[in-house]
């Protein structure tokens, strides 16, 4: 199982230079990935928020081996052709280290309705499916240059437990990030469903969020391929650095 740092670029971490420094420290300490939240606004007390794409560009330039990406991008509030350009550019900049996390997004954080974005969940789901299909088309050669990674940039789809529709969507792509799982037993049930839904031999990632210093053994035994260490809504640089320096294996 691979291990990653997973931070909201909020508060102290709204400075991309801070994020780049933390990512460089994570790479030096042996972590496998560094992922950032993708938000325009967020509920109180959060106010300072960094753009994920600019931040990830800084992270890409500060590292050489970490897998990086947004976790997760709600495609319904993005212009997909612009996302296509951003993702390919970032994949080239990082020499093929980008993973795109995608999902419906949430109405809880005040970043949809105030900006005229779609709030209906069924329409957001339709736009997500259409957006993912369009991205694959742009990446396959409709736009140039094409990504470093072939046949395309990996896509991890997020979904809230216990909803199964996001899992069915994820099975068409490269990974599933179930949010708010109650525990490893729930994950084991999901991974049992994933096997029959995928062509034999096709790689598929299962991502779980864990707390700093949490024992990840039960999650790995339940089928997780990535454990991403998450933090509070307004983490300090020192708290993230402490978790990084403790190392990716407990």
Protein backbone atom coordinates (compact mmCIF):
# COMPACT_ATOMS: atom_id res chain seq x y z
CA UNK A 1 0.00 0.00 0.00
CA UNK A 2 1.23 3.50 -0.87
CA UNK A 3 1.09 6.46 1.49
CA UNK A 4 0.39 10.12 0.75
CA UNK A 5 -0.10 13.47 2.43
CA UNK A 6 -3.55 14.99 1.81
CA UNK A 7 -3.99 18.63 2.81
CA UNK A 8 -6.52 21.42 2.43
CA UNK A 9 -4.65 24.45 1.03
CA UNK A 10 -6.28 26.62 3.69
CA UNK A 11 -4.98 29.10 6.26
CA UNK A 12 -1.21 28.79 6.62
CA UNK A 13 -1.22 26.33 3.73
CA UNK A 14 -2.86 28.82 1.34
CA UNK A 15 0.66 29.82 0.31
CA UNK A 16 1.85 27.57 -2.55
CA UNK A 17 5.44 28.04 -1.40
CA UNK A 18 4.54 26.42 1.91
CA UNK A 19 2.87 23.52 0.11
CA UNK A 20 5.89 23.06 -2.16
CA UNK A 21 8.20 22.93 0.85
CA UNK A 22 6.02 20.36 2.59
CA UNK A 23 5.85 18.25 -0.56
CA UNK A 24 9.64 18.33 -0.91
CA UNK A 25 9.97 17.20 2.71
CA UNK A 26 7.46 14.40 2.10
CA UNK A 27 9.40 13.16 -0.91
CA UNK A 28 12.67 13.21 1.03
CA UNK A 29 11.06 11.25 3.87
CA UNK A 30 9.78 8.51 1.55
CA UNK A 31 6.11 9.33 1.04
CA UNK A 32 4.53 8.30 -2.27
CA UNK A 33 2.13 11.16 -2.95
CA UNK A 34 0.99 14.68 -2.10
CA UNK A 35 -2.61 15.70 -2.79
CA UNK A 36 -4.53 18.93 -2.18
CA UNK A 37 -8.22 19.76 -1.83
CA UNK A 38 -9.93 21.69 -4.63
CA UNK A 39 -12.23 24.47 -3.38
CA UNK A 40 -13.24 28.00 -4.30
CA UNK A 41 -14.96 28.72 -0.98
CA UNK A 42 -15.43 26.78 2.24
CA UNK A 43 -17.59 27.04 5.33
CA UNK A 44 -16.45 28.96 8.42
CA UNK A 45 -13.92 29.33 9.86
CA UNK A 46 -12.03 28.86 6.57
CA UNK A 47 -11.38 32.01 4.55
CA UNK A 48 -7.88 31.83 3.02
CA UNK A 49 -7.79 29.25 0.20
CA UNK A 50 -5.13 28.59 -2.45
CA UNK A 51 -5.87 27.62 -6.02
CA UNK A 52 -5.08 23.90 -6.42
CA UNK A 53 -3.65 24.08 -9.93
CA UNK A 54 -1.15 26.84 -9.21
CA UNK A 55 -0.26 25.10 -5.95
CA UNK A 56 0.27 21.76 -7.69
CA UNK A 57 2.51 23.44 -10.27
CA UNK A 58 4.69 24.65 -7.39
CA UNK A 59 4.64 21.15 -5.88
CA UNK A 60 5.59 19.60 -9.23
CA UNK A 61 8.62 21.89 -9.53
CA UNK A 62 9.73 21.13 -5.96
CA UNK A 63 9.61 17.33 -6.32
CA UNK A 64 10.71 14.60 -8.70
CA UNK A 65 8.91 11.40 -7.76
CA UNK A 66 5.74 12.10 -5.74
CA UNK A 67 2.37 11.40 -7.33
CA UNK A 68 0.37 14.61 -7.13
CA UNK A 69 -3.15 15.80 -7.82
CA UNK A 70 -6.36 17.50 -6.72
CA UNK A 71 -8.64 15.53 -4.39
CA UNK A 72 -11.23 16.13 -5.58
CA UNK A 73 -12.22 18.38 -8.47
CA UNK A 74 -16.00 18.84 -8.97
CA UNK A 75 -16.15 18.93 -12.77
CA UNK A 76 -19.65 20.43 -12.78
CA UNK A 77 -18.20 23.78 -11.65
CA UNK A 78 -15.24 23.66 -14.01
CA UNK A 79 -14.93 24.39 -17.72
CA UNK A 80 -13.81 20.96 -18.82
CA UNK A 81 -11.79 22.12 -21.84
CA UNK A 82 -9.84 24.39 -19.46
CA UNK A 83 -9.31 21.46 -17.08
CA UNK A 84 -8.00 19.48 -20.04
CA UNK A 85 -5.36 22.13 -20.70
CA UNK A 86 -4.49 22.42 -17.00
CA UNK A 87 -4.13 18.69 -16.46
CA UNK A 88 -1.99 18.06 -19.54
CA UNK A 89 0.25 21.00 -18.72
CA UNK A 90 0.65 19.76 -15.16
CA UNK A 91 1.28 16.19 -16.33
CA UNK A 92 4.07 17.46 -18.58
CA UNK A 93 5.48 19.71 -15.86
CA UNK A 94 5.57 16.79 -13.42
CA UNK A 95 6.95 14.30 -15.99
CA UNK A 96 3.81 12.15 -15.78
CA UNK A 97 2.99 12.21 -12.06
CA UNK A 98 -0.54 13.64 -12.07
CA UNK A 99 -3.66 11.82 -10.88
CA UNK A 100 -6.99 13.60 -11.29
CA UNK A 101 -9.43 13.15 -8.42
CA UNK A 102 -12.98 13.95 -9.53
CA UNK A 103 -16.40 13.99 -7.94
CA UNK A 104 -19.75 15.75 -7.59
CA UNK A 105 -18.68 18.32 -5.03
CA UNK A 106 -20.91 19.42 -2.18
CA UNK A 107 -23.52 22.09 -1.55
CA UNK A 108 -22.44 22.38 2.10
CA UNK A 109 -19.51 24.70 1.53
CA UNK A 110 -21.13 27.69 -0.17
CA UNK A 111 -19.18 27.42 -3.42
CA UNK A 112 -21.94 26.45 -5.85
CA UNK A 113 -25.12 28.53 -5.56
CA UNK A 114 -23.45 31.92 -4.85
CA UNK A 115 -21.53 31.63 -8.13
CA UNK A 116 -24.40 30.35 -10.26
CA UNK A 117 -23.13 26.76 -10.34
CA UNK A 118 -25.41 23.74 -10.68
CA UNK A 119 -26.74 22.51 -7.33
CA UNK A 120 -29.04 19.66 -8.40
CA UNK A 121 -27.17 16.40 -7.63
CA UNK A 122 -28.56 14.52 -10.65
CA UNK A 123 -27.45 17.27 -13.02
CA UNK A 124 -24.05 17.46 -11.35
CA UNK A 125 -23.71 13.69 -11.83
CA UNK A 126 -24.59 14.04 -15.51
CA UNK A 127 -22.06 16.84 -15.93
CA UNK A 128 -19.42 14.77 -14.14
CA UNK A 129 -19.91 11.79 -16.44
CA UNK A 130 -19.93 14.02 -19.52
CA UNK A 131 -16.89 15.90 -18.26
CA UNK A 132 -14.86 12.75 -17.69
CA UNK A 133 -15.73 11.47 -21.16
CA UNK A 134 -14.76 14.82 -22.67
CA UNK A 135 -11.45 14.86 -20.78
CA UNK A 136 -10.57 11.40 -22.10
CA UNK A 137 -11.34 12.62 -25.63
CA UNK A 138 -9.25 15.77 -25.28
CA UNK A 139 -6.36 13.80 -23.79
CA UNK A 140 -6.48 11.18 -26.54
CA UNK A 141 -5.47 13.69 -29.21
CA UNK A 142 -8.32 16.16 -29.73
CA UNK A 143 -6.02 18.60 -27.94
CA UNK A 144 -2.25 18.79 -28.34
CA UNK A 145 0.08 18.19 -26.66
CA UNK A 146 -1.15 14.92 -25.21
CA UNK A 147 -0.35 13.84 -21.63
CA UNK A 148 2.91 12.15 -20.76
CA UNK A 149 0.92 9.29 -19.22
CA UNK A 150 -0.69 6.97 -21.71
CA UNK A 151 -3.32 5.91 -22.52
CA UNK A 152 -4.37 8.83 -20.27
CA UNK A 153 -3.96 10.56 -16.93
CA UNK A 154 -5.33 8.29 -14.16
CA UNK A 155 -8.72 9.28 -12.74
CA UNK A 156 -9.84 8.52 -9.19
CA UNK A 157 -13.55 9.03 -8.57
CA UNK A 158 -14.77 10.06 -5.12
CA UNK A 159 -18.07 9.23 -3.49
CA UNK A 160 -19.67 9.43 -0.07
CA UNK A 161 -20.34 6.25 1.87
CA UNK A 162 -22.69 4.35 1.61
CA UNK A 163 -23.81 5.59 -1.84
CA UNK A 164 -22.98 2.95 -4.46
CA UNK A 165 -23.51 5.00 -7.62
CA UNK A 166 -20.09 6.66 -7.37
CA UNK A 167 -18.52 3.20 -7.13
CA UNK A 168 -20.18 2.19 -10.39
CA UNK A 169 -18.84 5.37 -11.99
CA UNK A 170 -15.36 4.75 -10.58
CA UNK A 171 -15.24 1.24 -12.06
CA UNK A 172 -15.13 2.85 -15.51
CA UNK A 173 -11.94 4.66 -14.57
CA UNK A 174 -8.86 3.99 -12.41
CA UNK A 175 -9.70 4.24 -8.73
CA UNK A 176 -12.25 4.91 -6.03
CA UNK A 177 -11.98 7.23 -3.03
CA UNK A 178 -14.88 6.44 -0.65
CA UNK A 179 -15.36 9.36 1.74
CA UNK A 180 -16.54 9.01 5.35
CA UNK A 181 -16.05 5.26 5.56
CA UNK A 182 -16.97 4.00 9.05
CA UNK A 183 -14.09 1.53 9.15
CA UNK A 184 -12.08 -1.19 7.41
CA UNK A 185 -14.99 -3.66 7.48
CA UNK A 186 -17.01 -1.30 5.28
CA UNK A 187 -14.06 -1.02 2.91
CA UNK A 188 -13.76 -4.80 2.73
CA UNK A 189 -17.38 -4.92 1.57
CA UNK A 190 -16.65 -2.39 -1.16
CA UNK A 191 -13.53 -4.14 -2.39
CA UNK A 192 -15.52 -7.37 -2.65
CA UNK A 193 -17.84 -5.55 -5.06
CA UNK A 194 -14.98 -4.07 -7.08
CA UNK A 195 -13.46 -7.37 -8.20
CA UNK A 196 -16.41 -8.59 -10.31
CA UNK A 197 -16.89 -5.12 -11.78
CA UNK A 198 -13.44 -4.82 -13.33
CA UNK A 199 -11.84 -6.70 -16.23
CA UNK A 200 -9.41 -9.27 -14.89
CA UNK A 201 -5.90 -7.88 -14.48
CA UNK A 202 -6.79 -4.21 -14.90
CA UNK A 203 -5.17 -2.12 -12.14
CA UNK A 204 -7.57 -0.26 -9.86
CA UNK A 205 -6.74 1.87 -6.84
CA UNK A 206 -8.77 2.09 -3.65
CA UNK A 207 -7.97 5.17 -1.59
CA UNK A 208 -8.76 5.75 2.10
CA UNK A 209 -8.17 8.76 4.32
CA UNK A 210 -6.47 8.11 7.65
CA UNK A 211 -5.42 10.24 10.60
CA UNK A 212 -1.75 11.02 11.31
CA UNK A 213 -0.08 8.07 13.05
CA UNK A 214 -3.11 5.79 12.45
CA UNK A 215 -2.38 2.09 12.03
CA UNK A 216 -3.05 1.47 8.35
CA UNK A 217 -2.69 -2.32 8.52
CA UNK A 218 -6.45 -2.98 8.83
CA UNK A 219 -7.11 -0.75 5.83
CA UNK A 220 -4.49 -2.51 3.73
CA UNK A 221 -5.93 -5.92 4.66
CA UNK A 222 -9.37 -4.63 3.64
CA UNK A 223 -8.08 -3.82 0.16
CA UNK A 224 -6.81 -0.23 0.21
CA UNK A 225 -3.98 0.48 -2.22
CA UNK A 226 -3.42 4.06 -1.02
CA UNK A 227 -3.77 5.58 2.46
CA UNK A 228 -3.79 9.38 2.41
CA UNK A 229 -3.05 11.11 5.70
CA UNK A 230 -5.55 13.90 6.26
CA UNK A 231 -5.57 16.90 8.57
CA UNK A 232 -7.95 19.43 10.12
CA UNK A 233 -9.60 22.23 8.15
CA UNK A 234 -6.87 24.69 9.08
CA UNK A 235 -3.69 22.70 9.61
CA UNK A 236 -0.48 24.42 10.56
CA UNK A 237 2.64 23.90 8.55
CA UNK A 238 4.36 22.57 11.65
CA UNK A 239 1.67 19.93 12.31
CA UNK A 240 1.84 18.67 8.73
CA UNK A 241 5.64 18.66 8.81
CA UNK A 242 5.59 16.67 12.06
CA UNK A 243 3.42 14.00 10.43
CA UNK A 244 5.67 13.97 7.37
CA UNK A 245 8.83 13.56 9.44
CA UNK A 246 7.28 10.71 11.42
CA UNK A 247 7.36 8.80 8.16
CA UNK A 248 4.87 7.01 5.91
CA UNK A 249 5.02 3.66 7.73
CA UNK A 250 3.89 3.23 11.33
